[in-house]
Amino acid sequence: MNQTEAQRALCQAYGADYLPIEEHLKVGLSTSVREGARPIHGIRYVPEGDTTGWYIWAGEYSAAEDFFQPVHVVHLDKWEPQLHRYLGLGPGWRFLLVPEEAYMDVWYDPGILS
């Protein structure tokens, strides 16, 4: 199954609209993802400019200005290959995962959009 099919299947499983992303767009990614911290959290806001609206971090969240790094979607596999599966979820969706334990939770949070 390719990445687009995996994204569509995940959206269908959770009753979410599929909102495709383009590889030249950016996500906000914490360096703790690359360092292997767990769990991995993802939250999608409304896309703006050259971003997907996704912010993804691992471990503890930080409000520091440099906590999120802009990373093009095409480079996500270097950070965490399993992230692509979730990127088709639209604004307002969140996920939590611990790949090593095969744990995953996906849910809609309408508070994100207000």
C-alpha atoms as a PDB file:
ATOM      1  CA  MET A   1       0.000   0.000   0.000  1.00  0.00           C
ATOM      2  CA  ASN A   2       1.443   3.392  -0.953  1.00  0.00           C
ATOM      3  CA  GLN A   3       1.348   6.464   1.302  1.00  0.00           C
ATOM      4  CA  THR A   4      -1.757   7.978  -0.302  1.00  0.00           C
ATOM      5  CA  GLU A   5      -3.688   4.719   0.039  1.00  0.00           C
ATOM      6  CA  ALA A   6      -2.578   4.386   3.680  1.00  0.00           C
ATOM      7  CA  GLN A   7      -3.717   7.944   4.415  1.00  0.00           C
ATOM      8  CA  ARG A   8      -7.091   7.391   2.753  1.00  0.00           C
ATOM      9  CA  ALA A   9      -7.581   4.106   4.625  1.00  0.00           C
ATOM     10  CA  LEU A  10      -6.819   5.739   7.981  1.00  0.00           C
ATOM     11  CA  CYS A  11      -9.239   8.588   7.260  1.00  0.00           C
ATOM     12  CA  GLN A  12     -11.932   6.132   6.256  1.00  0.00           C
ATOM     13  CA  ALA A  13     -11.386   4.059   9.407  1.00  0.00           C
ATOM     14  CA  TYR A  14     -11.987   7.135  11.592  1.00  0.00           C
ATOM     15  CA  GLY A  15     -14.693   8.779   9.490  1.00  0.00           C
ATOM     16  CA  ALA A  16     -12.415  11.707   8.675  1.00  0.00           C
ATOM     17  CA  ASP A  17     -12.321  13.680   5.459  1.00  0.00           C
ATOM     18  CA  TYR A  18      -9.130  13.068   3.500  1.00  0.00           C
ATOM     19  CA  LEU A  19      -7.128  16.255   2.920  1.00  0.00           C
ATOM     20  CA  PRO A  20      -4.056  15.468   0.820  1.00  0.00           C
ATOM     21  CA  ILE A  21      -0.775  17.257   1.348  1.00  0.00           C
ATOM     22  CA  GLU A  22       1.989  18.073  -1.083  1.00  0.00           C
ATOM     23  CA  GLU A  23       5.589  17.067  -0.447  1.00  0.00           C
ATOM     24  CA  HIS A  24       6.966  20.598  -0.897  1.00  0.00           C
ATOM     25  CA  LEU A  25       4.888  21.878   2.040  1.00  0.00           C
ATOM     26  CA  LYS A  26       6.185  21.989   5.613  1.00  0.00           C
ATOM     27  CA  VAL A  27       5.250  20.534   8.965  1.00  0.00           C
ATOM     28  CA  GLY A  28       6.358  21.879  12.329  1.00  0.00           C
ATOM     29  CA  LEU A  29       8.440  19.085  13.836  1.00  0.00           C
ATOM     30  CA  SER A  30      10.276  18.952  17.155  1.00  0.00           C
ATOM     31  CA  THR A  31      13.821  17.610  17.140  1.00  0.00           C
ATOM     32  CA  SER A  32      12.726  15.186  19.871  1.00  0.00           C
ATOM     33  CA  VAL A  33      11.002  13.136  17.137  1.00  0.00           C
ATOM     34  CA  ARG A  34      14.330  12.460  15.429  1.00  0.00           C
ATOM     35  CA  GLU A  35      15.947  11.757  18.811  1.00  0.00           C
ATOM     36  CA  GLY A  36      13.460   8.938  19.446  1.00  0.00           C
ATOM     37  CA  ALA A  37      11.463  10.427  22.326  1.00  0.00           C
ATOM     38  CA  ARG A  38       8.031   8.901  22.896  1.00  0.00           C
ATOM     39  CA  PRO A  39       5.081   9.180  22.644  1.00  0.00           C
ATOM     40  CA  ILE A  40       4.676  11.047  19.348  1.00  0.00           C
ATOM     41  CA  HIS A  41       1.908  13.653  19.245  1.00  0.00           C
ATOM     42  CA  GLY A  42       0.416  15.272  16.167  1.00  0.00           C
ATOM     43  CA  ILE A  43      -2.136  18.055  15.804  1.00  0.00           C
ATOM     44  CA  ARG A  44      -3.393  19.661  12.604  1.00  0.00           C
ATOM     45  CA  TYR A  45      -4.450  23.265  12.359  1.00  0.00           C
ATOM     46  CA  VAL A  46      -5.765  24.972   9.236  1.00  0.00           C
ATOM     47  CA  PRO A  47      -2.954  25.090   6.634  1.00  0.00           C
ATOM     48  CA  GLU A  48      -1.498  28.529   5.932  1.00  0.00           C
ATOM     49  CA  GLY A  49       0.995  29.623   3.292  1.00  0.00           C
ATOM     50  CA  ASP A  50       3.557  26.894   2.628  1.00  0.00           C
ATOM     51  CA  THR A  51       2.575  24.746   5.619  1.00  0.00           C
ATOM     52  CA  THR A  52       0.374  21.683   6.027  1.00  0.00           C
ATOM     53  CA  GLY A  53      -0.987  22.843   9.382  1.00  0.00           C
ATOM     54  CA  TRP A  54       0.649  19.856  11.117  1.00  0.00           C
ATOM     55  CA  TYR A  55       2.662  20.215  14.319  1.00  0.00           C
ATOM     56  CA  ILE A  56       4.310  17.035  15.529  1.00  0.00           C
ATOM     57  CA  TRP A  57       6.380  16.500  18.664  1.00  0.00           C
ATOM     58  CA  ALA A  58       7.634  13.653  20.823  1.00  0.00           C
ATOM     59  CA  GLY A  59       7.869  13.419  24.575  1.00  0.00           C
ATOM     60  CA  GLU A  60       7.220  16.575  26.542  1.00  0.00           C
ATOM     61  CA  TYR A  61       5.789  19.643  24.792  1.00  0.00           C
ATOM     62  CA  SER A  62       7.673  22.927  25.033  1.00  0.00           C
ATOM     63  CA  ALA A  63       6.512  26.477  24.374  1.00  0.00           C
ATOM     64  CA  ALA A  64      10.052  27.488  23.365  1.00  0.00           C
ATOM     65  CA  GLU A  65      10.213  29.458  20.115  1.00  0.00           C
ATOM     66  CA  ASP A  66      12.606  26.978  18.526  1.00  0.00           C
ATOM     67  CA  PHE A  67      10.754  23.817  19.660  1.00  0.00           C
ATOM     68  CA  PHE A  68       9.267  23.225  16.194  1.00  0.00           C
ATOM     69  CA  GLN A  69      11.498  23.105  13.140  1.00  0.00           C
ATOM     70  CA  PRO A  70      10.067  23.592   9.622  1.00  0.00           C
ATOM     71  CA  VAL A  71      10.550  20.318   7.748  1.00  0.00           C
ATOM     72  CA  HIS A  72       9.353  19.601   4.216  1.00  0.00           C
ATOM     73  CA  VAL A  73       7.015  16.614   3.970  1.00  0.00           C
ATOM     74  CA  VAL A  74       9.403  14.963   1.515  1.00  0.00           C
ATOM     75  CA  HIS A  75      12.021  14.726   4.315  1.00  0.00           C
ATOM     76  CA  LEU A  76       9.788  13.213   7.018  1.00  0.00           C
ATOM     77  CA  ASP A  77      11.023   9.665   6.424  1.00  0.00           C
ATOM     78  CA  LYS A  78      14.445  10.741   7.730  1.00  0.00           C
ATOM     79  CA  TRP A  79      12.782  11.772  10.997  1.00  0.00           C
ATOM     80  CA  GLU A  80      10.080   9.121  11.501  1.00  0.00           C
ATOM     81  CA  PRO A  81       8.794   7.011   8.579  1.00  0.00           C
ATOM     82  CA  GLN A  82       5.473   6.180  10.234  1.00  0.00           C
ATOM     83  CA  LEU A  83       4.258   9.795  10.249  1.00  0.00           C
ATOM     84  CA  HIS A  84       3.097   9.875   6.618  1.00  0.00           C
ATOM     85  CA  ARG A  85       0.133   7.638   7.396  1.00  0.00           C
ATOM     86  CA  TYR A  86      -1.519  10.352   9.520  1.00  0.00           C
ATOM     87  CA  LEU A  87      -0.943  13.387   7.318  1.00  0.00           C
ATOM     88  CA  GLY A  88      -4.154  13.025   5.291  1.00  0.00           C
ATOM     89  CA  LEU A  89      -6.297  13.819   8.340  1.00  0.00           C
ATOM     90  CA  GLY A  90      -7.841  17.283   8.105  1.00  0.00           C
ATOM     91  CA  PRO A  91      -7.654  20.260  10.466  1.00  0.00           C
ATOM     92  CA  GLY A  92      -8.923  19.497  13.952  1.00  0.00           C
ATOM     93  CA  TRP A  93      -7.529  15.949  14.007  1.00  0.00           C
ATOM     94  CA  ARG A  94      -4.911  14.666  16.412  1.00  0.00           C
ATOM     95  CA  PHE A  95      -2.933  11.501  16.878  1.00  0.00           C
ATOM     96  CA  LEU A  96      -0.811   9.880  19.560  1.00  0.00           C
ATOM     97  CA  LEU A  97       1.461   6.954  18.856  1.00  0.00           C
ATOM     98  CA  VAL A  98       4.167   4.784  20.301  1.00  0.00           C
ATOM     99  CA  PRO A  99       5.450   2.804  17.306  1.00  0.00           C
ATOM    100  CA  GLU A 100       7.522   0.346  19.344  1.00  0.00           C
ATOM    101  CA  GLU A 101       4.431  -0.719  21.289  1.00  0.00           C
ATOM    102  CA  ALA A 102       2.081  -0.674  18.283  1.00  0.00           C
ATOM    103  CA  TYR A 103      -0.025   1.887  20.183  1.00  0.00           C
ATOM    104  CA  MET A 104      -2.044   4.446  18.242  1.00  0.00           C
ATOM    105  CA  ASP A 105      -4.928   6.774  19.026  1.00  0.00           C
ATOM    106  CA  VAL A 106      -6.599   9.120  16.541  1.00  0.00           C
ATOM    107  CA  TRP A 107      -9.365  11.579  17.408  1.00  0.00           C
ATOM    108  CA  TYR A 108     -11.098  14.758  16.318  1.00  0.00           C
ATOM    109  CA  ASP A 109     -10.742  17.775  18.613  1.00  0.00           C
ATOM    110  CA  PRO A 110     -13.060  20.614  17.509  1.00  0.00           C
ATOM    111  CA  GLY A 111     -11.407  22.961  20.038  1.00  0.00           C
ATOM    112  CA  ILE A 112      -8.356  23.149  17.771  1.00  0.00           C
ATOM    113  CA  LEU A 113     -10.310  25.127  15.205  1.00  0.00           C
ATOM    114  CA  SER A 114     -11.709  27.770  17.536  1.00  0.00           C
END
